[in-house]
Amino acid sequence: MNRGLTGDEERDLMMRLATGDEAAVRTVYERFARPVYTLGLRMLGSAQSAEDLTQEVFLSAWRKAARFDPARGRLSTWLMAIAHNTAVDHIRHAASRPQRSGIPLEEAPEPTVVEEDAVVDGMVARGALAGLSADERRLLHLAYYRGWTAREIALAGGIPLGTVKTRIRATLIKLRRTHKPEEG
């Protein structure tokens, strides 16, 4: 198993990448695509966004290959910094887009205990809701407590309608599994 490249090997690889050497492009992509994709998935939350990010990062690395300096750090660190900065740019861009309906999902308030109490009864239900992630609670809050349609949630979040419907259904199934009423 190859443990990594030396500084000289990284410099040589990046010089070859800068000249458009297809083998160098393939080598860099094969070695680093998975961690770049994983970072994108964690930061952006969707496989499609992570795939797009991965392509952007390697295109950027190819364009900036001549700027790589192995004396300043490892190739993997340089690529992951590009990936992180690109993901942050995506997040900022998404946050700055004008919203067509309601408020942005990121700014939607999480349901308060008072709102939950008005709809659900008792500690068991609150415990089940507490078992959901913040995004799942926010989605239920918008759909059931605020009365937003799936289409409004999709528009506000810049998420495909089908994805919103799937997430709502999956959250309800998870909630149902967590909160099974006691049989009397």
Protein backbone atom coordinates (compact mmCIF):
# COMPACT_ATOMS: atom_id res chain seq x y z
CA MET A 1 0.00 0.00 0.00
CA ASN A 2 1.34 3.39 -0.96
CA ARG A 3 1.62 5.58 2.13
CA GLY A 4 1.83 8.94 0.39
CA LEU A 5 4.06 11.08 -1.71
CA THR A 6 7.27 12.83 -0.72
CA GLY A 7 7.49 16.57 -1.14
CA ASP A 8 9.51 16.14 -4.34
CA GLU A 9 6.98 13.66 -5.73
CA GLU A 10 4.13 16.05 -4.93
CA ARG A 11 5.95 18.94 -6.63
CA ASP A 12 6.63 16.77 -9.70
CA LEU A 13 3.01 15.59 -9.80
CA MET A 14 1.70 19.14 -9.58
CA MET A 15 4.12 20.36 -12.29
CA ARG A 16 2.83 17.57 -14.54
CA LEU A 17 -0.75 18.49 -13.61
CA ALA A 18 -0.10 22.12 -14.57
CA THR A 19 1.04 21.01 -18.04
CA GLY A 20 -2.14 18.97 -18.52
CA ASP A 21 -0.52 15.54 -18.13
CA GLU A 22 -3.51 13.15 -18.15
CA ALA A 23 -1.75 10.60 -15.96
CA ALA A 24 -1.09 13.29 -13.34
CA VAL A 25 -4.73 14.41 -13.47
CA ARG A 26 -5.85 10.81 -12.99
CA THR A 27 -3.38 10.22 -10.14
CA VAL A 28 -4.41 13.32 -8.19
CA TYR A 29 -8.09 12.54 -8.67
CA GLU A 30 -7.76 8.86 -7.69
CA ARG A 31 -5.82 9.72 -4.54
CA PHE A 32 -7.90 12.63 -3.29
CA ALA A 33 -11.42 12.55 -4.77
CA ARG A 34 -12.90 10.50 -1.91
CA PRO A 35 -11.82 12.82 0.96
CA VAL A 36 -12.83 15.91 -1.03
CA TYR A 37 -16.25 14.38 -1.75
CA THR A 38 -16.70 13.39 1.90
CA LEU A 39 -15.89 16.92 3.07
CA GLY A 40 -18.37 18.31 0.54
CA LEU A 41 -21.05 15.89 1.67
CA ARG A 42 -20.56 16.83 5.32
CA MET A 43 -20.56 20.57 4.67
CA LEU A 44 -23.19 20.81 1.94
CA GLY A 45 -25.49 17.97 2.92
CA SER A 46 -26.27 16.47 -0.47
CA ALA A 47 -24.56 13.97 -2.74
CA GLN A 48 -25.17 16.13 -5.83
CA SER A 49 -23.64 19.20 -4.17
CA ALA A 50 -20.66 17.11 -3.01
CA GLU A 51 -20.13 15.77 -6.54
CA ASP A 52 -20.29 19.28 -7.97
CA LEU A 53 -17.85 20.50 -5.33
CA THR A 54 -15.44 17.65 -6.09
CA GLN A 55 -15.38 18.57 -9.77
CA GLU A 56 -14.85 22.26 -8.96
CA VAL A 57 -11.99 21.48 -6.58
CA PHE A 58 -10.08 19.40 -9.11
CA LEU A 59 -10.67 21.93 -11.87
CA SER A 60 -9.38 24.64 -9.53
CA ALA A 61 -6.38 22.49 -8.56
CA TRP A 62 -5.55 21.98 -12.22
CA ARG A 63 -5.78 25.73 -12.89
CA LYS A 64 -3.74 26.61 -9.79
CA ALA A 65 -1.26 23.72 -9.94
CA ALA A 66 1.68 26.04 -10.60
CA ARG A 67 0.94 27.84 -7.31
CA PHE A 68 1.31 24.68 -5.21
CA ASP A 69 4.35 24.91 -2.92
CA PRO A 70 5.22 21.66 -1.11
CA ALA A 71 7.38 23.65 1.31
CA ARG A 72 4.19 25.25 2.66
CA GLY A 73 2.27 22.01 3.19
CA ARG A 74 1.10 18.67 1.87
CA LEU A 75 -0.85 18.26 -1.36
CA SER A 76 -3.74 16.72 0.57
CA THR A 77 -3.89 19.75 2.88
CA TRP A 78 -3.83 22.14 -0.09
CA LEU A 79 -6.65 20.27 -1.84
CA MET A 80 -8.75 20.05 1.32
CA ALA A 81 -8.28 23.80 1.89
CA ILE A 82 -9.54 24.44 -1.65
CA ALA A 83 -12.47 22.09 -0.96
CA HIS A 84 -13.31 23.78 2.35
CA ASN A 85 -13.12 27.29 0.88
CA THR A 86 -15.23 26.27 -2.12
CA ALA A 87 -17.86 24.70 0.16
CA VAL A 88 -17.98 27.84 2.30
CA ASP A 89 -18.46 29.88 -0.89
CA HIS A 90 -21.36 27.60 -1.87
CA ILE A 91 -22.96 28.03 1.56
CA ARG A 92 -22.54 31.81 1.45
CA HIS A 93 -23.94 31.96 -2.07
CA ALA A 94 -26.96 29.89 -1.07
CA ALA A 95 -27.55 32.09 1.98
CA SER A 96 -27.33 35.28 -0.07
CA ARG A 97 -29.87 34.21 -2.70
CA PRO A 98 -33.17 36.02 -2.35
CA GLN A 99 -35.87 33.82 -0.91
CA ARG A 100 -39.08 33.45 -2.88
CA SER A 101 -41.30 32.35 -0.04
CA GLY A 102 -41.21 32.82 3.70
CA ILE A 103 -37.90 32.84 5.51
CA PRO A 104 -34.74 30.87 4.73
CA LEU A 105 -34.67 27.40 6.27
CA GLU A 106 -31.48 28.23 8.16
CA GLU A 107 -33.30 31.07 9.90
CA ALA A 108 -36.49 29.16 10.61
CA PRO A 109 -36.89 28.95 14.37
CA GLU A 110 -36.76 25.61 16.06
CA PRO A 111 -40.04 24.71 17.71
CA THR A 112 -40.28 25.82 21.29
CA VAL A 113 -41.49 23.59 24.10
CA VAL A 114 -44.65 25.74 24.36
CA GLU A 115 -45.49 25.15 20.66
CA GLU A 116 -44.82 21.44 21.01
CA ASP A 117 -47.02 21.24 24.11
CA ALA A 118 -49.87 22.89 22.24
CA VAL A 119 -49.83 20.11 19.64
CA VAL A 120 -48.44 17.03 21.36
CA ASP A 121 -49.19 15.75 24.80
CA GLY A 122 -46.71 14.98 27.53
CA MET A 123 -43.12 14.09 28.14
CA VAL A 124 -43.09 11.02 25.90
CA ALA A 125 -43.84 13.01 22.76
CA ARG A 126 -41.29 15.69 23.67
CA GLY A 127 -38.74 12.96 24.24
CA ALA A 128 -39.48 11.55 20.79
CA LEU A 129 -39.09 15.01 19.23
CA ALA A 130 -35.84 15.51 21.14
CA GLY A 131 -34.54 12.35 19.44
CA LEU A 132 -34.75 14.10 16.06
CA SER A 133 -31.94 16.16 14.60
CA ALA A 134 -32.28 19.94 14.54
CA ASP A 135 -32.96 19.82 10.79
CA GLU A 136 -35.69 17.20 11.25
CA ARG A 137 -37.35 19.24 14.02
CA ARG A 138 -37.13 22.40 11.91
CA LEU A 139 -38.71 20.60 8.95
CA LEU A 140 -41.60 19.32 11.08
CA HIS A 141 -41.96 22.74 12.66
CA LEU A 142 -42.33 24.42 9.27
CA ALA A 143 -44.68 21.77 7.89
CA TYR A 144 -46.92 21.12 10.89
CA TYR A 145 -46.64 24.04 13.28
CA ARG A 146 -46.25 26.83 10.71
CA GLY A 147 -48.41 25.17 8.06
CA TRP A 148 -45.95 25.51 5.20
CA THR A 149 -46.52 23.29 2.18
CA ALA A 150 -43.75 21.03 0.92
CA ARG A 151 -43.48 23.34 -2.11
CA GLU A 152 -42.94 26.41 0.14
CA ILE A 153 -40.28 24.57 2.13
CA ALA A 154 -38.57 23.49 -1.09
CA LEU A 155 -38.55 27.05 -2.45
CA ALA A 156 -37.30 28.54 0.82
CA GLY A 157 -34.52 25.99 1.15
CA GLY A 158 -33.56 25.69 -2.50
CA ILE A 159 -34.24 21.95 -2.20
CA PRO A 160 -36.03 19.81 -4.79
CA LEU A 161 -39.69 19.23 -3.92
CA GLY A 162 -39.27 15.45 -4.00
CA THR A 163 -36.41 15.68 -1.52
CA VAL A 164 -38.53 17.72 0.90
CA LYS A 165 -41.39 15.22 0.67
CA THR A 166 -38.99 12.31 1.23
CA ARG A 167 -37.38 14.03 4.24
CA ILE A 168 -40.76 14.81 5.82
CA ARG A 169 -41.88 11.20 5.35
CA ALA A 170 -38.60 9.79 6.70
CA THR A 171 -38.81 12.11 9.73
CA LEU A 172 -42.38 11.05 10.45
CA ILE A 173 -41.40 7.37 10.18
CA LYS A 174 -38.49 7.97 12.55
CA LEU A 175 -40.77 9.81 14.97
CA ARG A 176 -43.35 7.04 14.78
CA ARG A 177 -40.69 4.39 15.54
CA THR A 178 -39.40 6.43 18.47
CA HIS A 179 -42.82 7.20 19.88
CA LYS A 180 -44.92 4.04 20.02
CA PRO A 181 -47.95 4.68 22.21
CA GLU A 182 -48.28 2.32 25.11
CA GLU A 183 -51.04 -0.19 24.66
CA GLY A 184 -53.71 0.08 27.36
